[in-house]
Amino acid sequence: MRVGVASHSFPSRPALRRELAARYPDVVFNETRRPLGGGDLISFLHGCGKAITGLEVLDEAVFTAVPELRVVSKYGVGLDMIDLDAARRHGVIVRWTPGVNSQAVAELTIAFMIALCRRILPLAVDVREGRWPHGGGRQLSSATIGIIGCGHVGKAVARLCRAFGAAVLAHDVVDYEDFYLAHGVRAAPLDALLREADIVTVHVPLDASTRNLIDARALALMKPSAFLINTARAGIVDEVALAAALDRGRLAGAAADVFATEPPVAPELLRLPTFLGTPHIGASTEEAALAMGRAAIAGLDAGSAAVDLTSNF
């Protein structure tokens, strides 16, 4: 059976290419170094019974146009790109392994926290340009961290924050009482978390219930001295509202690894000195990339640790 690797980042790891080819001799790779979409994705997947996808949108049109596609294994953890209902209607199995990049994303989140608290980026610019300013920000250890979404990444962030000595609040639709008790985390309603936290970090999936979860109203609840971090999905935070809050001094700063358009084209956030952005690198460490790739390879076949998202419905 032919396997189509639509993910543009998977082929950049020679080890993953070798490991997949050892199991499936008939493999085609997306060598464009960009996500495929629309007709390009359909053309690429023609003749493939199985596929590994990353940022590609798999919807009704794709499943209709490629009826031979039977199995999709997700490279990465975000599922908002796949229409699971359409997959079920077309008899396509979608497999996904949660948590494979949680440590990498959590460590980037902590890096953002420290960079914002200690004003590392603007101070580094000052030094480069010959200035020698005073004032070194605040310590993460004395901050109250508000974690929105306490799944795999959120839990990893909570552990790291507690290691620094920070107080941690968490909000999630799932009750993680045992984890909270074991790690000294306090559960809080969303509005209370936004009001109390010195740093708010977002770790929920993007779906109808979380789109624009952090909007103008939510931002208005936060302290003017607070920071906002998003290493999850762009649509969770209203970028226009965030830019306005930063521009008016309603927030002390923000950082994001994800943008509504990638690469970002709107200058509103990027021009602000209190905003720090990175090019969607949260899961791009060598360790995480290999872990995600190997999980995606295993997910092509039944019996792996991958979750079958289209079963039992």
C-alpha atoms as a PDB file:
ATOM      1  CA  MET A   1       0.000   0.000   0.000  1.00  0.00           C
ATOM      2  CA  ARG A   2       1.337   3.432  -0.919  1.00  0.00           C
ATOM      3  CA  VAL A   3       1.900   5.881   1.924  1.00  0.00           C
ATOM      4  CA  GLY A   4       1.783   9.606   1.233  1.00  0.00           C
ATOM      5  CA  VAL A   5       3.679  11.821   3.677  1.00  0.00           C
ATOM      6  CA  ALA A   6       1.964  15.161   3.151  1.00  0.00           C
ATOM      7  CA  SER A   7       3.628  16.777   6.172  1.00  0.00           C
ATOM      8  CA  HIS A   8       6.354  19.080   4.875  1.00  0.00           C
ATOM      9  CA  SER A   9       8.498  18.836   8.026  1.00  0.00           C
ATOM     10  CA  PHE A  10       8.528  15.038   8.369  1.00  0.00           C
ATOM     11  CA  PRO A  11      10.793  14.503   5.315  1.00  0.00           C
ATOM     12  CA  SER A  12      13.441  16.874   6.692  1.00  0.00           C
ATOM     13  CA  ARG A  13      14.455  14.203   9.230  1.00  0.00           C
ATOM     14  CA  PRO A  14      16.513  11.506   7.449  1.00  0.00           C
ATOM     15  CA  ALA A  15      15.992   9.082  10.323  1.00  0.00           C
ATOM     16  CA  LEU A  16      12.218   9.263   9.913  1.00  0.00           C
ATOM     17  CA  ARG A  17      12.461   8.750   6.155  1.00  0.00           C
ATOM     18  CA  ARG A  18      14.578   5.644   6.679  1.00  0.00           C
ATOM     19  CA  GLU A  19      12.360   4.195   9.379  1.00  0.00           C
ATOM     20  CA  LEU A  20       9.191   4.696   7.347  1.00  0.00           C
ATOM     21  CA  ALA A  21      10.713   3.316   4.147  1.00  0.00           C
ATOM     22  CA  ALA A  22      11.852   0.219   6.041  1.00  0.00           C
ATOM     23  CA  ARG A  23       8.211  -0.546   6.854  1.00  0.00           C
ATOM     24  CA  TYR A  24       6.591   0.730   3.665  1.00  0.00           C
ATOM     25  CA  PRO A  25       8.649   0.452   0.458  1.00  0.00           C
ATOM     26  CA  ASP A  26       6.133   2.500  -1.544  1.00  0.00           C
ATOM     27  CA  VAL A  27       6.323   5.979   0.013  1.00  0.00           C
ATOM     28  CA  VAL A  28       5.985   9.447  -1.491  1.00  0.00           C
ATOM     29  CA  PHE A  29       7.112  12.553   0.375  1.00  0.00           C
ATOM     30  CA  ASN A  30       6.008  16.168   0.149  1.00  0.00           C
ATOM     31  CA  GLU A  31       9.298  17.819  -0.830  1.00  0.00           C
ATOM     32  CA  THR A  32       7.880  21.342  -1.271  1.00  0.00           C
ATOM     33  CA  ARG A  33       8.826  22.471   2.279  1.00  0.00           C
ATOM     34  CA  ARG A  34       5.322  23.890   2.702  1.00  0.00           C
ATOM     35  CA  PRO A  35       1.905  22.512   3.702  1.00  0.00           C
ATOM     36  CA  LEU A  36      -0.199  21.285   0.791  1.00  0.00           C
ATOM     37  CA  GLY A  37      -3.767  22.406   0.294  1.00  0.00           C
ATOM     38  CA  GLY A  38      -6.734  22.067  -2.021  1.00  0.00           C
ATOM     39  CA  GLY A  39      -5.950  20.587  -5.409  1.00  0.00           C
ATOM     40  CA  ASP A  40      -2.259  20.186  -4.599  1.00  0.00           C
ATOM     41  CA  LEU A  41      -3.076  18.011  -1.596  1.00  0.00           C
ATOM     42  CA  ILE A  42      -5.613  15.952  -3.546  1.00  0.00           C
ATOM     43  CA  SER A  43      -3.132  15.367  -6.379  1.00  0.00           C
ATOM     44  CA  PHE A  44      -0.443  14.377  -3.922  1.00  0.00           C
ATOM     45  CA  LEU A  45      -2.676  11.872  -2.103  1.00  0.00           C
ATOM     46  CA  HIS A  46      -4.043  10.171  -5.237  1.00  0.00           C
ATOM     47  CA  GLY A  47      -3.156   6.487  -5.104  1.00  0.00           C
ATOM     48  CA  CYS A  48      -2.333   6.566  -1.374  1.00  0.00           C
ATOM     49  CA  GLY A  49      -4.135   4.184   0.940  1.00  0.00           C
ATOM     50  CA  LYS A  50      -2.434   5.665   4.002  1.00  0.00           C
ATOM     51  CA  ALA A  51      -1.134   9.136   4.781  1.00  0.00           C
ATOM     52  CA  ILE A  52       0.839  11.051   7.373  1.00  0.00           C
ATOM     53  CA  THR A  53      -0.347  14.649   7.625  1.00  0.00           C
ATOM     54  CA  GLY A  54       0.689  17.678   9.639  1.00  0.00           C
ATOM     55  CA  LEU A  55      -0.764  21.120   8.913  1.00  0.00           C
ATOM     56  CA  GLU A  56      -2.789  19.959   5.901  1.00  0.00           C
ATOM     57  CA  VAL A  57      -6.552  20.542   5.945  1.00  0.00           C
ATOM     58  CA  LEU A  58      -8.410  17.260   5.422  1.00  0.00           C
ATOM     59  CA  ASP A  59     -12.074  17.964   4.741  1.00  0.00           C
ATOM     60  CA  GLU A  60     -15.064  16.604   2.843  1.00  0.00           C
ATOM     61  CA  ALA A  61     -13.592  17.662  -0.489  1.00  0.00           C
ATOM     62  CA  VAL A  62     -10.329  15.811   0.104  1.00  0.00           C
ATOM     63  CA  PHE A  63     -11.943  12.614   1.355  1.00  0.00           C
ATOM     64  CA  THR A  64     -14.391  12.639  -1.570  1.00  0.00           C
ATOM     65  CA  ALA A  65     -11.644  13.174  -4.139  1.00  0.00           C
ATOM     66  CA  VAL A  66      -9.360  10.470  -2.702  1.00  0.00           C
ATOM     67  CA  PRO A  67     -11.673   7.493  -1.989  1.00  0.00           C
ATOM     68  CA  GLU A  68      -8.704   5.119  -1.813  1.00  0.00           C
ATOM     69  CA  LEU A  69      -7.426   6.831   1.341  1.00  0.00           C
ATOM     70  CA  ARG A  70      -8.186   4.548   4.300  1.00  0.00           C
ATOM     71  CA  VAL A  71      -5.878   5.633   7.137  1.00  0.00           C
ATOM     72  CA  VAL A  72      -4.541   9.027   8.246  1.00  0.00           C
ATOM     73  CA  SER A  73      -1.900   9.250  10.964  1.00  0.00           C
ATOM     74  CA  LYS A  74      -1.332  12.686  12.460  1.00  0.00           C
ATOM     75  CA  TYR A  75       2.184  14.127  12.699  1.00  0.00           C
ATOM     76  CA  GLY A  76       1.838  16.451  15.686  1.00  0.00           C
ATOM     77  CA  VAL A  77      -0.968  16.921  18.161  1.00  0.00           C
ATOM     78  CA  GLY A  78      -3.354  19.570  16.775  1.00  0.00           C
ATOM     79  CA  LEU A  79      -6.528  18.110  15.307  1.00  0.00           C
ATOM     80  CA  ASP A  80      -8.332  21.228  14.139  1.00  0.00           C
ATOM     81  CA  MET A  81      -7.100  20.633  10.568  1.00  0.00           C
ATOM     82  CA  ILE A  82      -9.017  17.349  10.183  1.00  0.00           C
ATOM     83  CA  ASP A  83     -12.789  17.099   9.743  1.00  0.00           C
ATOM     84  CA  LEU A  84     -13.351  13.950  11.789  1.00  0.00           C
ATOM     85  CA  ASP A  85     -17.044  13.758  10.896  1.00  0.00           C
ATOM     86  CA  ALA A  86     -16.171  13.757   7.195  1.00  0.00           C
ATOM     87  CA  ALA A  87     -13.516  11.103   7.820  1.00  0.00           C
ATOM     88  CA  ARG A  88     -16.075   8.861   9.505  1.00  0.00           C
ATOM     89  CA  ARG A  89     -18.574   9.325   6.675  1.00  0.00           C
ATOM     90  CA  HIS A  90     -15.934   8.199   4.194  1.00  0.00           C
ATOM     91  CA  GLY A  91     -14.694   5.322   6.324  1.00  0.00           C
ATOM     92  CA  VAL A  92     -11.261   6.851   6.913  1.00  0.00           C
ATOM     93  CA  ILE A  93      -9.490   5.917  10.144  1.00  0.00           C
ATOM     94  CA  VAL A  94      -7.682   8.833  11.808  1.00  0.00           C
ATOM     95  CA  ARG A  95      -5.049   7.993  14.417  1.00  0.00           C
ATOM     96  CA  TRP A  96      -3.258  10.405  16.729  1.00  0.00           C
ATOM     97  CA  THR A  97      -0.843  10.065  19.647  1.00  0.00           C
ATOM     98  CA  PRO A  98      -1.343  12.719  22.341  1.00  0.00           C
ATOM     99  CA  GLY A  99       1.409  14.292  24.396  1.00  0.00           C
ATOM    100  CA  VAL A 100       4.409  13.502  22.180  1.00  0.00           C
ATOM    101  CA  ASN A 101       5.573  17.128  22.008  1.00  0.00           C
ATOM    102  CA  SER A 102       4.344  18.341  25.395  1.00  0.00           C
ATOM    103  CA  GLN A 103       7.775  18.842  26.959  1.00  0.00           C
ATOM    104  CA  ALA A 104       9.071  20.842  23.984  1.00  0.00           C
ATOM    105  CA  VAL A 105       6.055  23.174  23.996  1.00  0.00           C
ATOM    106  CA  ALA A 106       6.181  23.508  27.778  1.00  0.00           C
ATOM    107  CA  GLU A 107       9.845  24.495  27.703  1.00  0.00           C
ATOM    108  CA  LEU A 108       9.174  27.165  25.060  1.00  0.00           C
ATOM    109  CA  THR A 109       6.349  28.461  27.247  1.00  0.00           C
ATOM    110  CA  ILE A 110       8.726  28.787  30.202  1.00  0.00           C
ATOM    111  CA  ALA A 111      11.260  30.523  27.951  1.00  0.00           C
ATOM    112  CA  PHE A 112       8.565  33.044  27.001  1.00  0.00           C
ATOM    113  CA  MET A 113       7.708  33.586  30.670  1.00  0.00           C
ATOM    114  CA  ILE A 114      11.299  34.331  31.617  1.00  0.00           C
ATOM    115  CA  ALA A 115      11.887  36.519  28.552  1.00  0.00           C
ATOM    116  CA  LEU A 116       8.809  38.616  29.334  1.00  0.00           C
ATOM    117  CA  CYS A 117       9.415  38.822  33.084  1.00  0.00           C
ATOM    118  CA  ARG A 118      13.054  39.862  32.658  1.00  0.00           C
ATOM    119  CA  ARG A 119      12.458  42.030  29.542  1.00  0.00           C
ATOM    120  CA  ILE A 120      15.202  40.121  27.765  1.00  0.00           C
ATOM    121  CA  LEU A 121      14.348  41.122  24.190  1.00  0.00           C
ATOM    122  CA  PRO A 122      14.088  44.928  24.647  1.00  0.00           C
ATOM    123  CA  LEU A 123      17.094  44.995  26.971  1.00  0.00           C
ATOM    124  CA  ALA A 124      19.189  43.007  24.481  1.00  0.00           C
ATOM    125  CA  VAL A 125      18.242  45.525  21.785  1.00  0.00           C
ATOM    126  CA  ASP A 126      19.233  48.386  24.092  1.00  0.00           C
ATOM    127  CA  VAL A 127      22.666  46.873  24.726  1.00  0.00           C
ATOM    128  CA  ARG A 128      23.214  46.161  21.027  1.00  0.00           C
ATOM    129  CA  GLU A 129      22.409  49.801  20.241  1.00  0.00           C
ATOM    130  CA  GLY A 130      24.774  51.170  22.861  1.00  0.00           C
ATOM    131  CA  ARG A 131      22.358  51.852  25.699  1.00  0.00           C
ATOM    132  CA  TRP A 132      22.843  50.546  29.232  1.00  0.00           C
ATOM    133  CA  PRO A 133      19.423  50.716  30.943  1.00  0.00           C
ATOM    134  CA  HIS A 134      18.611  49.786  34.517  1.00  0.00           C
ATOM    135  CA  GLY A 135      15.770  47.616  35.749  1.00  0.00           C
ATOM    136  CA  GLY A 136      15.669  43.860  35.339  1.00  0.00           C
ATOM    137  CA  GLY A 137      11.973  43.030  35.546  1.00  0.00           C
ATOM    138  CA  ARG A 138      10.547  40.497  37.959  1.00  0.00           C
ATOM    139  CA  GLN A 139      11.172  36.912  39.020  1.00  0.00           C
ATOM    140  CA  LEU A 140       9.102  34.011  37.775  1.00  0.00           C
ATOM    141  CA  SER A 141       9.392  32.455  41.225  1.00  0.00           C
ATOM    142  CA  SER A 142       7.203  35.157  42.776  1.00  0.00           C
ATOM    143  CA  ALA A 143       4.560  35.158  40.027  1.00  0.00           C
ATOM    144  CA  THR A 144       1.118  33.588  39.946  1.00  0.00           C
ATOM    145  CA  ILE A 145       0.756  31.560  36.743  1.00  0.00           C
ATOM    146  CA  GLY A 146      -2.682  30.926  35.238  1.00  0.00           C
ATOM    147  CA  ILE A 147      -2.831  27.866  32.976  1.00  0.00           C
ATOM    148  CA  ILE A 148      -5.852  27.622  30.689  1.00  0.00           C
ATOM    149  CA  GLY A 149      -6.060  23.969  29.678  1.00  0.00           C
ATOM    150  CA  CYS A 150      -4.317  21.396  31.850  1.00  0.00           C
ATOM    151  CA  GLY A 151      -3.866  18.513  29.436  1.00  0.00           C
ATOM    152  CA  HIS A 152      -0.466  17.099  28.507  1.00  0.00           C
ATOM    153  CA  VAL A 153       1.192  20.465  27.817  1.00  0.00           C
ATOM    154  CA  GLY A 154      -0.589  22.299  30.614  1.00  0.00           C
ATOM    155  CA  LYS A 155       0.506  19.689  33.146  1.00  0.00           C
ATOM    156  CA  ALA A 156       4.120  19.911  31.941  1.00  0.00           C
ATOM    157  CA  VAL A 157       3.993  23.713  32.288  1.00  0.00           C
ATOM    158  CA  ALA A 158       2.526  23.400  35.779  1.00  0.00           C
ATOM    159  CA  ARG A 159       5.331  21.078  36.900  1.00  0.00           C
ATOM    160  CA  LEU A 160       8.009  23.420  35.576  1.00  0.00           C
ATOM    161  CA  CYS A 161       6.389  26.499  37.125  1.00  0.00           C
ATOM    162  CA  ARG A 162       6.107  24.785  40.496  1.00  0.00           C
ATOM    163  CA  ALA A 163       9.809  23.849  40.246  1.00  0.00           C
ATOM    164  CA  PHE A 164      10.531  27.588  40.023  1.00  0.00           C
ATOM    165  CA  GLY A 165       8.413  28.135  43.130  1.00  0.00           C
ATOM    166  CA  ALA A 166       5.600  29.988  41.353  1.00  0.00           C
ATOM    167  CA  ALA A 167       1.981  29.715  42.449  1.00  0.00           C
ATOM    168  CA  VAL A 168      -0.125  27.973  39.790  1.00  0.00           C
ATOM    169  CA  LEU A 169      -3.822  28.327  38.963  1.00  0.00           C
ATOM    170  CA  ALA A 170      -5.486  26.086  36.394  1.00  0.00           C
ATOM    171  CA  HIS A 171      -8.750  26.123  34.481  1.00  0.00           C
ATOM    172  CA  ASP A 172     -10.008  23.183  32.451  1.00  0.00           C
ATOM    173  CA  VAL A 173     -13.338  21.631  31.501  1.00  0.00           C
ATOM    174  CA  VAL A 174     -11.912  18.353  32.867  1.00  0.00           C
ATOM    175  CA  ASP A 175     -11.439  17.912  36.614  1.00  0.00           C
ATOM    176  CA  TYR A 176      -7.780  17.023  37.237  1.00  0.00           C
ATOM    177  CA  GLU A 177      -8.164  17.027  41.012  1.00  0.00           C
ATOM    178  CA  ASP A 178      -5.554  14.320  41.639  1.00  0.00           C
ATOM    179  CA  PHE A 179      -2.945  16.165  39.580  1.00  0.00           C
ATOM    180  CA  TYR A 180      -3.771  19.481  41.245  1.00  0.00           C
ATOM    181  CA  LEU A 181      -3.391  17.990  44.719  1.00  0.00           C
ATOM    182  CA  ALA A 182      -0.150  16.217  43.850  1.00  0.00           C
ATOM    183  CA  HIS A 183       1.486  19.340  42.411  1.00  0.00           C
ATOM    184  CA  GLY A 184       0.091  22.172  44.499  1.00  0.00           C
ATOM    185  CA  VAL A 185      -2.088  23.600  41.732  1.00  0.00           C
ATOM    186  CA  ARG A 186      -5.308  25.463  42.534  1.00  0.00           C
ATOM    187  CA  ALA A 187      -8.317  25.074  40.245  1.00  0.00           C
ATOM    188  CA  ALA A 188     -10.032  28.350  39.365  1.00  0.00           C
ATOM    189  CA  PRO A 189     -12.914  29.588  37.201  1.00  0.00           C
ATOM    190  CA  LEU A 190     -11.695  31.240  34.015  1.00  0.00           C
ATOM    191  CA  ASP A 191     -12.593  34.817  34.960  1.00  0.00           C
ATOM    192  CA  ALA A 192     -11.005  34.467  38.396  1.00  0.00           C
ATOM    193  CA  LEU A 193      -7.830  33.069  36.831  1.00  0.00           C
ATOM    194  CA  LEU A 194      -7.636  35.973  34.379  1.00  0.00           C
ATOM    195  CA  ARG A 195      -8.049  38.520  37.180  1.00  0.00           C
ATOM    196  CA  GLU A 196      -5.515  36.942  39.545  1.00  0.00           C
ATOM    197  CA  ALA A 197      -2.692  35.636  37.345  1.00  0.00           C
ATOM    198  CA  ASP A 198       0.482  37.574  36.615  1.00  0.00           C
ATOM    199  CA  ILE A 199       1.067  35.349  33.587  1.00  0.00           C
ATOM    200  CA  VAL A 200      -1.729  33.652  31.637  1.00  0.00           C
ATOM    201  CA  THR A 201      -0.719  30.815  29.317  1.00  0.00           C
ATOM    202  CA  VAL A 202      -3.066  29.042  26.893  1.00  0.00           C
ATOM    203  CA  HIS A 203      -2.955  25.264  26.302  1.00  0.00           C
ATOM    204  CA  VAL A 204      -6.369  24.254  24.957  1.00  0.00           C
ATOM    205  CA  PRO A 205      -7.234  22.756  21.571  1.00  0.00           C
ATOM    206  CA  LEU A 206      -8.906  24.964  18.982  1.00  0.00           C
ATOM    207  CA  ASP A 207     -12.571  24.141  18.466  1.00  0.00           C
ATOM    208  CA  ALA A 208     -15.891  25.968  18.479  1.00  0.00           C
ATOM    209  CA  SER A 209     -15.819  26.327  22.263  1.00  0.00           C
ATOM    210  CA  THR A 210     -12.319  27.845  22.405  1.00  0.00           C
ATOM    211  CA  ARG A 211     -12.204  30.036  19.290  1.00  0.00           C
ATOM    212  CA  ASN A 212     -11.543  33.610  20.465  1.00  0.00           C
ATOM    213  CA  LEU A 213     -11.682  32.381  24.061  1.00  0.00           C
ATOM    214  CA  ILE A 214      -9.257  35.185  24.905  1.00  0.00           C
ATOM    215  CA  ASP A 215     -11.096  38.142  23.404  1.00  0.00           C
ATOM    216  CA  ALA A 216     -11.366  41.813  24.344  1.00  0.00           C
ATOM    217  CA  ARG A 217     -13.578  41.006  27.332  1.00  0.00           C
ATOM    218  CA  ALA A 218     -11.147  38.403  28.661  1.00  0.00           C
ATOM    219  CA  LEU A 219      -8.143  40.675  28.136  1.00  0.00           C
ATOM    220  CA  ALA A 220      -9.898  43.470  30.022  1.00  0.00           C
ATOM    221  CA  LEU A 221     -10.090  41.212  33.084  1.00  0.00           C
ATOM    222  CA  MET A 222      -6.312  40.768  33.240  1.00  0.00           C
ATOM    223  CA  LYS A 223      -3.998  42.971  35.298  1.00  0.00           C
ATOM    224  CA  PRO A 224      -2.286  45.766  33.354  1.00  0.00           C
ATOM    225  CA  SER A 225       0.985  44.298  34.681  1.00  0.00           C
ATOM    226  CA  ALA A 226       0.175  40.799  33.388  1.00  0.00           C
ATOM    227  CA  PHE A 227       1.575  38.835  30.445  1.00  0.00           C
ATOM    228  CA  LEU A 228      -0.268  36.570  28.001  1.00  0.00           C
ATOM    229  CA  ILE A 229       1.349  33.578  26.256  1.00  0.00           C
ATOM    230  CA  ASN A 230      -0.089  31.444  23.457  1.00  0.00           C
ATOM    231  CA  THR A 231       1.795  28.360  22.294  1.00  0.00           C
ATOM    232  CA  ALA A 232      -1.378  26.445  21.406  1.00  0.00           C
ATOM    233  CA  ARG A 233      -3.426  27.599  18.404  1.00  0.00           C
ATOM    234  CA  ALA A 234      -3.795  31.084  16.940  1.00  0.00           C
ATOM    235  CA  GLY A 235      -7.582  31.191  16.843  1.00  0.00           C
ATOM    236  CA  ILE A 236      -7.851  30.893  20.612  1.00  0.00           C
ATOM    237  CA  VAL A 237      -6.595  34.460  21.087  1.00  0.00           C
ATOM    238  CA  ASP A 238      -8.168  37.375  19.230  1.00  0.00           C
ATOM    239  CA  GLU A 239      -5.046  38.924  17.684  1.00  0.00           C
ATOM    240  CA  VAL A 240      -6.732  42.260  16.938  1.00  0.00           C
ATOM    241  CA  ALA A 241      -7.953  42.587  20.524  1.00  0.00           C
ATOM    242  CA  LEU A 242      -4.532  41.583  21.852  1.00  0.00           C
ATOM    243  CA  ALA A 243      -2.762  44.184  19.721  1.00  0.00           C
ATOM    244  CA  ALA A 244      -5.170  46.846  20.945  1.00  0.00           C
ATOM    245  CA  ALA A 245      -4.664  45.862  24.600  1.00  0.00           C
ATOM    246  CA  LEU A 246      -0.872  45.976  24.247  1.00  0.00           C
ATOM    247  CA  ASP A 247      -0.941  49.241  22.327  1.00  0.00           C
ATOM    248  CA  ARG A 248      -3.064  50.907  25.019  1.00  0.00           C
ATOM    249  CA  GLY A 249      -0.930  49.566  27.866  1.00  0.00           C
ATOM    250  CA  ARG A 250      -3.728  47.340  29.124  1.00  0.00           C
ATOM    251  CA  LEU A 251      -1.227  44.464  29.226  1.00  0.00           C
ATOM    252  CA  ALA A 252       2.474  44.550  30.050  1.00  0.00           C
ATOM    253  CA  GLY A 253       3.385  42.127  27.291  1.00  0.00           C
ATOM    254  CA  ALA A 254       2.520  39.027  25.298  1.00  0.00           C
ATOM    255  CA  ALA A 255       4.229  36.230  23.424  1.00  0.00           C
ATOM    256  CA  ALA A 256       2.979  33.840  20.765  1.00  0.00           C
ATOM    257  CA  ASP A 257       4.348  30.951  18.761  1.00  0.00           C
ATOM    258  CA  VAL A 258       1.227  30.743  16.571  1.00  0.00           C
ATOM    259  CA  PHE A 259      -0.455  33.242  14.254  1.00  0.00           C
ATOM    260  CA  ALA A 260      -3.738  33.440  12.347  1.00  0.00           C
ATOM    261  CA  THR A 261      -1.711  33.631   9.128  1.00  0.00           C
ATOM    262  CA  GLU A 262       1.692  31.981   9.009  1.00  0.00           C
ATOM    263  CA  PRO A 263       3.995  33.672   8.239  1.00  0.00           C
ATOM    264  CA  PRO A 264       2.088  36.600   9.799  1.00  0.00           C
ATOM    265  CA  VAL A 265       1.227  39.478   7.500  1.00  0.00           C
ATOM    266  CA  ALA A 266      -0.580  41.912   9.799  1.00  0.00           C
ATOM    267  CA  PRO A 267       1.831  44.396  11.434  1.00  0.00           C
ATOM    268  CA  GLU A 268      -0.340  45.283  14.416  1.00  0.00           C
ATOM    269  CA  LEU A 269       1.265  42.808  16.817  1.00  0.00           C
ATOM    270  CA  LEU A 270       4.696  42.541  15.242  1.00  0.00           C
ATOM    271  CA  ARG A 271       5.476  46.259  15.498  1.00  0.00           C
ATOM    272  CA  LEU A 272       4.770  46.416  19.232  1.00  0.00           C
ATOM    273  CA  PRO A 273       7.850  46.381  21.503  1.00  0.00           C
ATOM    274  CA  THR A 274       5.916  44.496  24.180  1.00  0.00           C
ATOM    275  CA  PHE A 275       5.173  41.569  21.866  1.00  0.00           C
ATOM    276  CA  LEU A 276       7.479  38.592  21.333  1.00  0.00           C
ATOM    277  CA  GLY A 277       6.783  36.170  18.467  1.00  0.00           C
ATOM    278  CA  THR A 278       8.419  32.994  17.224  1.00  0.00           C
ATOM    279  CA  PRO A 279       7.761  31.064  13.962  1.00  0.00           C
ATOM    280  CA  HIS A 280       5.675  28.131  15.271  1.00  0.00           C
ATOM    281  CA  ILE A 281       8.682  26.326  16.772  1.00  0.00           C
ATOM    282  CA  GLY A 282       7.013  24.852  19.868  1.00  0.00           C
ATOM    283  CA  ALA A 283       7.200  21.272  18.646  1.00  0.00           C
ATOM    284  CA  SER A 284      10.274  21.724  16.465  1.00  0.00           C
ATOM    285  CA  THR A 285      12.987  20.463  18.754  1.00  0.00           C
ATOM    286  CA  GLU A 286      14.891  17.501  17.368  1.00  0.00           C
ATOM    287  CA  GLU A 287      13.640  15.298  20.190  1.00  0.00           C
ATOM    288  CA  ALA A 288       9.992  16.252  19.704  1.00  0.00           C
ATOM    289  CA  ALA A 289      10.155  15.978  15.908  1.00  0.00           C
ATOM    290  CA  LEU A 290      11.521  12.450  16.122  1.00  0.00           C
ATOM    291  CA  ALA A 291       8.976  11.453  18.754  1.00  0.00           C
ATOM    292  CA  MET A 292       6.101  12.849  16.677  1.00  0.00           C
ATOM    293  CA  GLY A 293       7.406  11.197  13.518  1.00  0.00           C
ATOM    294  CA  ARG A 294       7.807   7.791  15.122  1.00  0.00           C
ATOM    295  CA  ALA A 295       4.346   8.058  16.656  1.00  0.00           C
ATOM    296  CA  ALA A 296       2.937   8.946  13.212  1.00  0.00           C
ATOM    297  CA  ILE A 297       4.691   5.931  11.638  1.00  0.00           C
ATOM    298  CA  ALA A 298       3.310   3.630  14.331  1.00  0.00           C
ATOM    299  CA  GLY A 299      -0.145   5.154  13.881  1.00  0.00           C
ATOM    300  CA  LEU A 300      -0.361   3.902  10.314  1.00  0.00           C
ATOM    301  CA  ASP A 301      -1.100   0.452  11.718  1.00  0.00           C
ATOM    302  CA  ALA A 302      -3.585  -0.853  14.260  1.00  0.00           C
ATOM    303  CA  GLY A 303      -2.281  -1.916  17.638  1.00  0.00           C
ATOM    304  CA  SER A 304      -0.061   1.107  18.271  1.00  0.00           C
ATOM    305  CA  ALA A 305      -0.366   3.536  21.166  1.00  0.00           C
ATOM    306  CA  ALA A 306      -2.146   5.977  18.850  1.00  0.00           C
ATOM    307  CA  VAL A 307      -5.773   6.864  19.595  1.00  0.00           C
ATOM    308  CA  ASP A 308      -8.255   5.941  16.870  1.00  0.00           C
ATOM    309  CA  LEU A 309     -10.316   9.131  16.684  1.00  0.00           C
ATOM    310  CA  THR A 310     -12.912   7.736  14.303  1.00  0.00           C
ATOM    311  CA  SER A 311     -13.895   4.595  16.209  1.00  0.00           C
ATOM    312  CA  ASN A 312     -16.788   3.999  18.570  1.00  0.00           C
ATOM    313  CA  PHE A 313     -19.127   6.504  16.962  1.00  0.00           C
END
